[in-house]
Amino acid sequence: SLSTTASSKSSLVPAYRITEALQRADLSSSCTTCSNWF
């Protein structure tokens, strides 16, 4: 939904849709396995 190919009319996604996507994503609040990534 945030890709430039999501809409045939405009490649720029409105700001409210960006924030809405980030809120719906419910991203993790931890680094998970930060100490094991490297």
Full PDB file with SEQRES, HELIX, SHEET, SSBOND, CRYST1, ORIGX, SCALE, CONECT and MASTER records, all heavy atoms in Angstrom:
SEQRES   1 A   38  SER LEU SER THR THR ALA SER SER LYS SER SER LEU VAL          
SEQRES   2 A   38  PRO ALA TYR ARG ILE THR GLU ALA LEU GLN ARG ALA ASP          
SEQRES   3 A   38  LEU SER SER SER CYS THR THR CYS SER ASN TRP PHE              
HELIX    1 AA1 ALA A   15  ALA A   25  1                                  11    
HELIX    2 AA2 CYS A   34  ASN A   36  5                                   3    
CRYST1    1.000    1.000    1.000  90.00  90.00  90.00 P 1           1          
ORIGX1      1.000000  0.000000  0.000000        0.00000                         
ORIGX2      0.000000  1.000000  0.000000        0.00000                         
ORIGX3      0.000000  0.000000  1.000000        0.00000                         
SCALE1      1.000000  0.000000  0.000000        0.00000                         
SCALE2      0.000000  1.000000  0.000000        0.00000                         
SCALE3      0.000000  0.000000  1.000000        0.00000                         
ATOM      1  N   SER A   1       0.811  -1.221   0.000  1.00  0.00           N  
ATOM      2  CA  SER A   1       0.000   0.000   0.000  1.00  0.00           C  
ATOM      3  C   SER A   1       0.842   1.269   0.000  1.00  0.00           C  
ATOM      4  O   SER A   1       0.353   2.341  -0.388  1.00  0.00           O  
ATOM      5  CB  SER A   1      -0.926   0.006   1.215  1.00  0.00           C  
ATOM      6  OG  SER A   1      -0.184   0.116   2.424  1.00  0.00           O  
ATOM      7  N   LEU A   2       2.102   1.156   0.432  1.00  0.00           N  
ATOM      8  CA  LEU A   2       2.989   2.322   0.454  1.00  0.00           C  
ATOM      9  C   LEU A   2       3.940   2.352  -0.727  1.00  0.00           C  
ATOM     10  O   LEU A   2       4.829   3.206  -0.784  1.00  0.00           O  
ATOM     11  CB  LEU A   2       3.803   2.329   1.759  1.00  0.00           C  
ATOM     12  CG  LEU A   2       3.005   2.510   3.049  1.00  0.00           C  
ATOM     13  CD1 LEU A   2       3.936   2.503   4.251  1.00  0.00           C  
ATOM     14  CD2 LEU A   2       2.198   3.798   3.020  1.00  0.00           C  
ATOM     15  N   SER A   3       3.771   1.440  -1.672  1.00  0.00           N  
ATOM     16  CA  SER A   3       4.626   1.422  -2.856  1.00  0.00           C  
ATOM     17  C   SER A   3       4.127   2.434  -3.877  1.00  0.00           C  
ATOM     18  O   SER A   3       2.949   2.811  -3.888  1.00  0.00           O  
ATOM     19  CB  SER A   3       4.658   0.019  -3.472  1.00  0.00           C  
ATOM     20  OG  SER A   3       5.194  -0.928  -2.563  1.00  0.00           O  
ATOM     21  N   THR A   4       5.015   2.857  -4.750  1.00  0.00           N  
ATOM     22  CA  THR A   4       4.637   3.833  -5.783  1.00  0.00           C  
ATOM     23  C   THR A   4       3.713   3.227  -6.819  1.00  0.00           C  
ATOM     24  O   THR A   4       3.040   3.951  -7.550  1.00  0.00           O  
ATOM     25  CB  THR A   4       5.897   4.363  -6.478  1.00  0.00           C  
ATOM     26  OG1 THR A   4       6.644   3.252  -7.003  1.00  0.00           O  
ATOM     27  CG2 THR A   4       6.772   5.131  -5.510  1.00  0.00           C  
ATOM     28  N   THR A   5       3.667   1.911  -6.926  1.00  0.00           N  
ATOM     29  CA  THR A   5       2.795   1.234  -7.891  1.00  0.00           C  
ATOM     30  C   THR A   5       1.426   0.922  -7.317  1.00  0.00           C  
ATOM     31  O   THR A   5       0.603   0.285  -7.975  1.00  0.00           O  
ATOM     32  CB  THR A   5       3.454  -0.074  -8.356  1.00  0.00           C  
ATOM     33  OG1 THR A   5       3.737  -0.893  -7.200  1.00  0.00           O  
ATOM     34  CG2 THR A   5       4.747   0.201  -9.101  1.00  0.00           C  
ATOM     35  N   ALA A   6       1.155   1.343  -6.066  1.00  0.00           N  
ATOM     36  CA  ALA A   6      -0.138   1.036  -5.441  1.00  0.00           C  
ATOM     37  C   ALA A   6      -1.274   1.796  -6.089  1.00  0.00           C  
ATOM     38  O   ALA A   6      -2.415   1.339  -6.099  1.00  0.00           O  
ATOM     39  CB  ALA A   6      -0.082   1.348  -3.948  1.00  0.00           C  
ATOM     40  N   SER A   7      -1.004   2.965  -6.645  1.00  0.00           N  
ATOM     41  CA  SER A   7      -2.035   3.791  -7.273  1.00  0.00           C  
ATOM     42  C   SER A   7      -1.587   4.181  -8.666  1.00  0.00           C  
ATOM     43  O   SER A   7      -0.426   4.539  -8.877  1.00  0.00           O  
ATOM     44  CB  SER A   7      -2.314   5.047  -6.444  1.00  0.00           C  
ATOM     45  OG  SER A   7      -3.222   5.893  -7.105  1.00  0.00           O  
ATOM     46  N   SER A   8      -2.512   4.090  -9.629  1.00  0.00           N  
ATOM     47  CA  SER A   8      -2.195   4.460 -11.007  1.00  0.00           C  
ATOM     48  C   SER A   8      -2.249   5.958 -11.235  1.00  0.00           C  
ATOM     49  O   SER A   8      -1.735   6.462 -12.228  1.00  0.00           O  
ATOM     50  CB  SER A   8      -3.173   3.774 -11.974  1.00  0.00           C  
ATOM     51  OG  SER A   8      -4.513   4.144 -11.667  1.00  0.00           O  
ATOM     52  N   LYS A   9      -2.868   6.707 -10.291  1.00  0.00           N  
ATOM     53  CA  LYS A   9      -3.027   8.150 -10.457  1.00  0.00           C  
ATOM     54  C   LYS A   9      -1.855   8.930  -9.872  1.00  0.00           C  
ATOM     55  O   LYS A   9      -1.426   9.919 -10.423  1.00  0.00           O  
ATOM     56  CB  LYS A   9      -4.338   8.616  -9.811  1.00  0.00           C  
ATOM     57  CG  LYS A   9      -5.586   8.038 -10.479  1.00  0.00           C  
ATOM     58  CD  LYS A   9      -6.853   8.575  -9.831  1.00  0.00           C  
ATOM     59  CE  LYS A   9      -8.094   8.023 -10.508  1.00  0.00           C  
ATOM     60  NZ  LYS A   9      -9.340   8.534  -9.881  1.00  0.00           N  
ATOM     61  N   SER A  10      -1.370   8.492  -8.716  1.00  0.00           N  
ATOM     62  CA  SER A  10      -0.316   9.255  -8.045  1.00  0.00           C  
ATOM     63  C   SER A  10       0.652   8.305  -7.387  1.00  0.00           C  
ATOM     64  O   SER A  10       0.261   7.273  -6.829  1.00  0.00           O  
ATOM     65  CB  SER A  10      -0.926  10.203  -7.007  1.00  0.00           C  
ATOM     66  OG  SER A  10       0.086  10.872  -6.287  1.00  0.00           O  
ATOM     67  N   SER A  11       1.947   8.647  -7.436  1.00  0.00           N  
ATOM     68  CA  SER A  11       2.978   7.838  -6.801  1.00  0.00           C  
ATOM     69  C   SER A  11       3.237   8.273  -5.377  1.00  0.00           C  
ATOM     70  O   SER A  11       3.895   7.549  -4.630  1.00  0.00           O  
ATOM     71  CB  SER A  11       4.281   7.927  -7.614  1.00  0.00           C  
ATOM     72  OG  SER A  11       4.098   7.387  -8.904  1.00  0.00           O  
ATOM     73  N   LEU A  12       2.759   9.455  -4.990  1.00  0.00           N  
ATOM     74  CA  LEU A  12       2.952   9.956  -3.637  1.00  0.00           C  
ATOM     75  C   LEU A  12       1.752   9.587  -2.770  1.00  0.00           C  
ATOM     76  O   LEU A  12       0.607   9.905  -3.102  1.00  0.00           O  
ATOM     77  CB  LEU A  12       3.144  11.476  -3.641  1.00  0.00           C  
ATOM     78  CG  LEU A  12       4.419  11.999  -4.309  1.00  0.00           C  
ATOM     79  CD1 LEU A  12       4.460  13.515  -4.248  1.00  0.00           C  
ATOM     80  CD2 LEU A  12       5.659  11.415  -3.653  1.00  0.00           C  
ATOM     81  N   VAL A  13       2.018   8.922  -1.668  1.00  0.00           N  
ATOM     82  CA  VAL A  13       0.967   8.521  -0.742  1.00  0.00           C  
ATOM     83  C   VAL A  13       0.713   9.668   0.234  1.00  0.00           C  
ATOM     84  O   VAL A  13       1.668  10.241   0.772  1.00  0.00           O  
ATOM     85  CB  VAL A  13       1.374   7.244   0.014  1.00  0.00           C  
ATOM     86  CG1 VAL A  13       0.297   6.840   1.019  1.00  0.00           C  
ATOM     87  CG2 VAL A  13       1.633   6.109  -0.970  1.00  0.00           C  
ATOM     88  N   PRO A  14      -0.541  10.041   0.492  1.00  0.00           N  
ATOM     89  CA  PRO A  14      -0.823  11.129   1.451  1.00  0.00           C  
ATOM     90  C   PRO A  14      -0.274  10.818   2.829  1.00  0.00           C  
ATOM     91  O   PRO A  14      -0.109   9.656   3.214  1.00  0.00           O  
ATOM     92  CB  PRO A  14      -2.354  11.202   1.446  1.00  0.00           C  
ATOM     93  CG  PRO A  14      -2.774  10.584   0.169  1.00  0.00           C  
ATOM     94  CD  PRO A  14      -1.760   9.529  -0.144  1.00  0.00           C  
ATOM     95  N   ALA A  15      -0.013  11.873   3.596  1.00  0.00           N  
ATOM     96  CA  ALA A  15       0.591  11.707   4.926  1.00  0.00           C  
ATOM     97  C   ALA A  15      -0.309  10.908   5.850  1.00  0.00           C  
ATOM     98  O   ALA A  15       0.174  10.087   6.646  1.00  0.00           O  
ATOM     99  CB  ALA A  15       0.900  13.077   5.525  1.00  0.00           C  
ATOM    100  N   TYR A  16      -1.622  11.105   5.775  1.00  0.00           N  
ATOM    101  CA  TYR A  16      -2.516  10.389   6.688  1.00  0.00           C  
ATOM    102  C   TYR A  16      -2.501   8.891   6.410  1.00  0.00           C  
ATOM    103  O   TYR A  16      -2.653   8.069   7.328  1.00  0.00           O  
ATOM    104  CB  TYR A  16      -3.934  10.948   6.586  1.00  0.00           C  
ATOM    105  CG  TYR A  16      -4.692  10.566   5.339  1.00  0.00           C  
ATOM    106  CD1 TYR A  16      -5.490   9.428   5.314  1.00  0.00           C  
ATOM    107  CD2 TYR A  16      -4.619  11.348   4.195  1.00  0.00           C  
ATOM    108  CE1 TYR A  16      -6.196   9.073   4.178  1.00  0.00           C  
ATOM    109  CE2 TYR A  16      -5.309  10.996   3.054  1.00  0.00           C  
ATOM    110  CZ  TYR A  16      -6.096   9.866   3.049  1.00  0.00           C  
ATOM    111  OH  TYR A  16      -6.782   9.510   1.920  1.00  0.00           O  
ATOM    112  N   ARG A  17      -2.311   8.503   5.160  1.00  0.00           N  
ATOM    113  CA  ARG A  17      -2.235   7.081   4.842  1.00  0.00           C  
ATOM    114  C   ARG A  17      -0.925   6.475   5.321  1.00  0.00           C  
ATOM    115  O   ARG A  17      -0.874   5.305   5.703  1.00  0.00           O  
ATOM    116  CB  ARG A  17      -2.394   6.879   3.336  1.00  0.00           C  
ATOM    117  CG  ARG A  17      -3.827   6.983   2.834  1.00  0.00           C  
ATOM    118  CD  ARG A  17      -3.932   6.694   1.357  1.00  0.00           C  
ATOM    119  NE  ARG A  17      -3.301   5.430   1.026  1.00  0.00           N  
ATOM    120  CZ  ARG A  17      -3.039   5.042  -0.231  1.00  0.00           C  
ATOM    121  NH1 ARG A  17      -3.344   5.856  -1.242  1.00  0.00           N  
ATOM    122  NH2 ARG A  17      -2.473   3.882  -0.463  1.00  0.00           N  
ATOM    123  N   ILE A  18       0.134   7.249   5.336  1.00  0.00           N  
ATOM    124  CA  ILE A  18       1.417   6.750   5.848  1.00  0.00           C  
ATOM    125  C   ILE A  18       1.305   6.481   7.341  1.00  0.00           C  
ATOM    126  O   ILE A  18       1.689   5.411   7.831  1.00  0.00           O  
ATOM    127  CB  ILE A  18       2.540   7.757   5.549  1.00  0.00           C  
ATOM    128  CG1 ILE A  18       2.661   8.012   4.038  1.00  0.00           C  
ATOM    129  CG2 ILE A  18       3.875   7.249   6.094  1.00  0.00           C  
ATOM    130  CD1 ILE A  18       3.660   9.093   3.690  1.00  0.00           C  
ATOM    131  N   THR A  19       0.781   7.458   8.083  1.00  0.00           N  
ATOM    132  CA  THR A  19       0.630   7.275   9.532  1.00  0.00           C  
ATOM    133  C   THR A  19      -0.369   6.162   9.845  1.00  0.00           C  
ATOM    134  O   THR A  19      -0.186   5.401  10.809  1.00  0.00           O  
ATOM    135  CB  THR A  19       0.164   8.590  10.173  1.00  0.00           C  
ATOM    136  OG1 THR A  19      -1.063   9.019   9.540  1.00  0.00           O  
ATOM    137  CG2 THR A  19       1.200   9.684   9.990  1.00  0.00           C  
ATOM    138  N   GLU A  20      -1.396   6.041   9.041  1.00  0.00           N  
ATOM    139  CA  GLU A  20      -2.374   4.969   9.258  1.00  0.00           C  
ATOM    140  C   GLU A  20      -1.731   3.601   9.059  1.00  0.00           C  
ATOM    141  O   GLU A  20      -1.974   2.664   9.842  1.00  0.00           O  
ATOM    142  CB  GLU A  20      -3.553   5.145   8.297  1.00  0.00           C  
ATOM    143  CG  GLU A  20      -4.633   4.088   8.451  1.00  0.00           C  
ATOM    144  CD  GLU A  20      -5.760   4.263   7.442  1.00  0.00           C  
ATOM    145  OE1 GLU A  20      -5.755   5.298   6.726  1.00  0.00           O  
ATOM    146  OE2 GLU A  20      -6.628   3.378   7.363  1.00  0.00           O  
ATOM    147  N   ALA A  21      -0.889   3.475   8.034  1.00  0.00           N  
ATOM    148  CA  ALA A  21      -0.201   2.200   7.800  1.00  0.00           C  
ATOM    149  C   ALA A  21       0.755   1.871   8.943  1.00  0.00           C  
ATOM    150  O   ALA A  21       0.857   0.708   9.363  1.00  0.00           O  
ATOM    151  CB  ALA A  21       0.550   2.260   6.474  1.00  0.00           C  
ATOM    152  N   LEU A  22       1.445   2.871   9.455  1.00  0.00           N  
ATOM    153  CA  LEU A  22       2.366   2.620  10.568  1.00  0.00           C  
ATOM    154  C   LEU A  22       1.604   2.213  11.830  1.00  0.00           C  
ATOM    155  O   LEU A  22       2.065   1.364  12.605  1.00  0.00           O  
ATOM    156  CB  LEU A  22       3.197   3.883  10.840  1.00  0.00           C  
ATOM    157  CG  LEU A  22       4.209   4.266   9.748  1.00  0.00           C  
ATOM    158  CD1 LEU A  22       4.886   5.586  10.085  1.00  0.00           C  
ATOM    159  CD2 LEU A  22       5.259   3.178   9.566  1.00  0.00           C  
ATOM    160  N   GLN A  23       0.449   2.809  12.060  1.00  0.00           N  
ATOM    161  CA  GLN A  23      -0.343   2.445  13.227  1.00  0.00           C  
ATOM    162  C   GLN A  23      -0.924   1.038  13.092  1.00  0.00           C  
ATOM    163  O   GLN A  23      -0.960   0.276  14.058  1.00  0.00           O  
ATOM    164  CB  GLN A  23      -1.469   3.463  13.428  1.00  0.00           C  
ATOM    165  CG  GLN A  23      -0.977   4.842  13.839  1.00  0.00           C  
ATOM    166  CD  GLN A  23      -2.095   5.872  13.828  1.00  0.00           C  
ATOM    167  OE1 GLN A  23      -3.229   5.574  13.467  1.00  0.00           O  
ATOM    168  NE2 GLN A  23      -1.771   7.096  14.221  1.00  0.00           N  
ATOM    169  N   ARG A  24      -1.358   0.680  11.917  1.00  0.00           N  
ATOM    170  CA  ARG A  24      -1.908  -0.654  11.689  1.00  0.00           C  
ATOM    171  C   ARG A  24      -0.837  -1.726  11.754  1.00  0.00           C  
ATOM    172  O   ARG A  24      -1.144  -2.895  12.036  1.00  0.00           O  
ATOM    173  CB  ARG A  24      -2.603  -0.700  10.330  1.00  0.00           C  
ATOM    174  CG  ARG A  24      -3.887   0.112  10.237  1.00  0.00           C  
ATOM    175  CD  ARG A  24      -4.420   0.097   8.821  1.00  0.00           C  
ATOM    176  NE  ARG A  24      -4.626  -1.276   8.360  1.00  0.00           N  
ATOM    177  CZ  ARG A  24      -4.866  -1.588   7.085  1.00  0.00           C  
ATOM    178  NH1 ARG A  24      -4.892  -0.633   6.162  1.00  0.00           N  
ATOM    179  NH2 ARG A  24      -5.053  -2.853   6.749  1.00  0.00           N  
ATOM    180  N   ALA A  25       0.409  -1.339  11.484  1.00  0.00           N  
ATOM    181  CA  ALA A  25       1.476  -2.334  11.475  1.00  0.00           C  
ATOM    182  C   ALA A  25       1.771  -2.859  12.873  1.00  0.00           C  
ATOM    183  O   ALA A  25       2.228  -4.000  13.026  1.00  0.00           O  
ATOM    184  CB  ALA A  25       2.739  -1.741  10.856  1.00  0.00           C  
ATOM    185  N   ASP A  26       1.544  -2.052  13.916  1.00  0.00           N  
ATOM    186  CA  ASP A  26       1.822  -2.459  15.294  1.00  0.00           C  
ATOM    187  C   ASP A  26       3.241  -3.023  15.406  1.00  0.00           C  
ATOM    188  O   ASP A  26       3.458  -4.192  15.768  1.00  0.00           O  
ATOM    189  CB  ASP A  26       0.795  -3.505  15.754  1.00  0.00           C  
ATOM    190  CG  ASP A  26       0.872  -3.755  17.261  1.00  0.00           C  
ATOM    191  OD1 ASP A  26       1.428  -2.895  17.975  1.00  0.00           O  
ATOM    192  OD2 ASP A  26       0.402  -4.826  17.696  1.00  0.00           O  
ATOM    193  N   LEU A  27       4.228  -2.168  15.074  1.00  0.00           N  
ATOM    194  CA  LEU A  27       5.619  -2.612  15.019  1.00  0.00           C  
ATOM    195  C   LEU A  27       6.135  -2.966  16.400  1.00  0.00           C  
ATOM    196  O   LEU A  27       5.654  -2.469  17.427  1.00  0.00           O  
ATOM    197  CB  LEU A  27       6.482  -1.503  14.400  1.00  0.00           C  
ATOM    198  CG  LEU A  27       6.099  -1.100  12.970  1.00  0.00           C  
ATOM    199  CD1 LEU A  27       6.954   0.061  12.505  1.00  0.00           C  
ATOM    200  CD2 LEU A  27       6.229  -2.273  12.016  1.00  0.00           C  
ATOM    201  N   SER A  28       7.127  -3.843  16.417  1.00  0.00           N  
ATOM    202  CA  SER A  28       7.682  -4.340  17.679  1.00  0.00           C  
ATOM    203  C   SER A  28       8.417  -3.230  18.409  1.00  0.00           C  
ATOM    204  O   SER A  28       9.042  -2.356  17.792  1.00  0.00           O  
ATOM    205  CB  SER A  28       8.628  -5.508  17.411  1.00  0.00           C  
ATOM    206  OG  SER A  28       9.682  -5.109  16.565  1.00  0.00           O  
ATOM    207  N   SER A  29       8.337  -3.255  19.709  1.00  0.00           N  
ATOM    208  CA  SER A  29       8.990  -2.245  20.550  1.00  0.00           C  
ATOM    209  C   SER A  29      10.258  -2.780  21.188  1.00  0.00           C  
ATOM    210  O   SER A  29      10.717  -2.252  22.198  1.00  0.00           O  
ATOM    211  CB  SER A  29       8.020  -1.773  21.637  1.00  0.00           C  
ATOM    212  OG  SER A  29       7.588  -2.883  22.425  1.00  0.00           O  
ATOM    213  N   SER A  30      10.817  -3.824  20.624  1.00  0.00           N  
ATOM    214  CA  SER A  30      12.081  -4.383  21.117  1.00  0.00           C  
ATOM    215  C   SER A  30      12.953  -4.740  19.938  1.00  0.00           C  
ATOM    216  O   SER A  30      12.491  -4.795  18.794  1.00  0.00           O  
ATOM    217  CB  SER A  30      11.821  -5.627  21.973  1.00  0.00           C  
ATOM    218  OG  SER A  30      11.244  -6.654  21.178  1.00  0.00           O  
ATOM    219  N   CYS A  31      14.223  -4.979  20.225  1.00  0.00           N  
ATOM    220  CA  CYS A  31      15.166  -5.321  19.167  1.00  0.00           C  
ATOM    221  C   CYS A  31      15.189  -6.819  18.890  1.00  0.00           C  
ATOM    222  O   CYS A  31      15.997  -7.298  18.095  1.00  0.00           O  
ATOM    223  CB  CYS A  31      16.578  -4.867  19.540  1.00  0.00           C  
ATOM    224  SG  CYS A  31      16.700  -3.090  19.796  1.00  0.00           S  
ATOM    225  N   THR A  32      14.301  -7.565  19.519  1.00  0.00           N  
ATOM    226  CA  THR A  32      14.180  -9.005  19.341  1.00  0.00           C  
ATOM    227  C   THR A  32      15.491  -9.693  19.679  1.00  0.00           C  
ATOM    228  O   THR A  32      15.810  -9.919  20.822  1.00  0.00           O  
ATOM    229  CB  THR A  32      13.736  -9.339  17.908  1.00  0.00           C  
ATOM    230  OG1 THR A  32      12.661  -8.488  17.555  1.00  0.00           O  
ATOM    231  CG2 THR A  32      13.245 -10.778  17.830  1.00  0.00           C  
ATOM    232  N   THR A  33      16.277  -9.984  18.683  1.00  0.00           N  
ATOM    233  CA  THR A  33      17.558 -10.680  18.896  1.00  0.00           C  
ATOM    234  C   THR A  33      18.703  -9.773  18.526  1.00  0.00           C  
ATOM    235  O   THR A  33      19.592 -10.157  17.774  1.00  0.00           O  
ATOM    236  CB  THR A  33      17.600 -11.970  18.063  1.00  0.00           C  
ATOM    237  OG1 THR A  33      17.389 -11.638  16.699  1.00  0.00           O  
ATOM    238  CG2 THR A  33      16.543 -12.961  18.512  1.00  0.00           C  
ATOM    239  N   CYS A  34      18.680  -8.557  19.071  1.00  0.00           N  
ATOM    240  CA  CYS A  34      19.712  -7.584  18.703  1.00  0.00           C  
ATOM    241  C   CYS A  34      21.100  -8.134  18.977  1.00  0.00           C  
ATOM    242  O   CYS A  34      22.017  -7.951  18.183  1.00  0.00           O  
ATOM    243  CB  CYS A  34      19.517  -6.281  19.472  1.00  0.00           C  
ATOM    244  SG  CYS A  34      18.008  -5.393  19.031  1.00  0.00           S  
ATOM    245  N   SER A  35      21.250  -8.808  20.116  1.00  0.00           N  
ATOM    246  CA  SER A  35      22.585  -9.256  20.480  1.00  0.00           C  
ATOM    247  C   SER A  35      23.074 -10.383  19.605  1.00  0.00           C  
ATOM    248  O   SER A  35      24.266 -10.664  19.560  1.00  0.00           O  
ATOM    249  CB  SER A  35      22.589  -9.721  21.945  1.00  0.00           C  
ATOM    250  OG  SER A  35      21.638 -10.769  22.122  1.00  0.00           O  
ATOM    251  N   ASN A  36      22.136 -11.045  18.887  1.00  0.00           N  
ATOM    252  CA  ASN A  36      22.543 -12.170  18.057  1.00  0.00           C  
ATOM    253  C   ASN A  36      22.552 -11.833  16.572  1.00  0.00           C  
ATOM    254  O   ASN A  36      22.796 -12.703  15.748  1.00  0.00           O  
ATOM    255  CB  ASN A  36      21.590 -13.366  18.290  1.00  0.00           C  
ATOM    256  CG  ASN A  36      21.645 -13.859  19.709  1.00  0.00           C  
ATOM    257  OD1 ASN A  36      22.701 -13.823  20.319  1.00  0.00           O  
ATOM    258  ND2 ASN A  36      20.505 -14.327  20.236  1.00  0.00           N  
ATOM    259  N   TRP A  37      22.234 -10.607  16.240  1.00  0.00           N  
ATOM    260  CA  TRP A  37      22.169 -10.257  14.821  1.00  0.00           C  
ATOM    261  C   TRP A  37      23.539 -10.266  14.187  1.00  0.00           C  
ATOM    262  O   TRP A  37      23.660 -10.485  12.987  1.00  0.00           O  
ATOM    263  CB  TRP A  37      21.520  -8.878  14.634  1.00  0.00           C  
ATOM    264  CG  TRP A  37      20.041  -8.948  14.777  1.00  0.00           C  
ATOM    265  CD1 TRP A  37      19.292 -10.044  15.004  1.00  0.00           C  
ATOM    266  CD2 TRP A  37      19.149  -7.852  14.721  1.00  0.00           C  
ATOM    267  NE1 TRP A  37      17.992  -9.739  15.101  1.00  0.00           N  
ATOM    268  CE2 TRP A  37      17.853  -8.374  14.923  1.00  0.00           C  
ATOM    269  CE3 TRP A  37      19.306  -6.486  14.534  1.00  0.00           C  
ATOM    270  CZ2 TRP A  37      16.739  -7.587  14.935  1.00  0.00           C  
ATOM    271  CZ3 TRP A  37      18.199  -5.703  14.536  1.00  0.00           C  
ATOM    272  CH2 TRP A  37      16.920  -6.247  14.731  1.00  0.00           C  
ATOM    273  N   PHE A  38      24.553  -9.977  14.937  1.00  0.00           N  
ATOM    274  CA  PHE A  38      25.891  -9.924  14.368  1.00  0.00           C  
ATOM    275  C   PHE A  38      26.766 -10.939  15.101  1.00  0.00           C  
ATOM    276  O   PHE A  38      27.319 -10.648  16.145  1.00  0.00           O  
ATOM    277  CB  PHE A  38      26.495  -8.523  14.483  1.00  0.00           C  
ATOM    278  CG  PHE A  38      25.845  -7.556  13.556  1.00  0.00           C  
ATOM    279  CD1 PHE A  38      24.740  -6.827  13.974  1.00  0.00           C  
ATOM    280  CD2 PHE A  38      26.293  -7.403  12.275  1.00  0.00           C  
ATOM    281  CE1 PHE A  38      24.124  -5.955  13.124  1.00  0.00           C  
ATOM    282  CE2 PHE A  38      25.671  -6.520  11.418  1.00  0.00           C  
ATOM    283  CZ  PHE A  38      24.592  -5.789  11.837  1.00  0.00           C  
TER     284      PHE A  38                                                      
MASTER        0    0    0    2    0    0    0    6  283    1    0    3          
END                                                                             
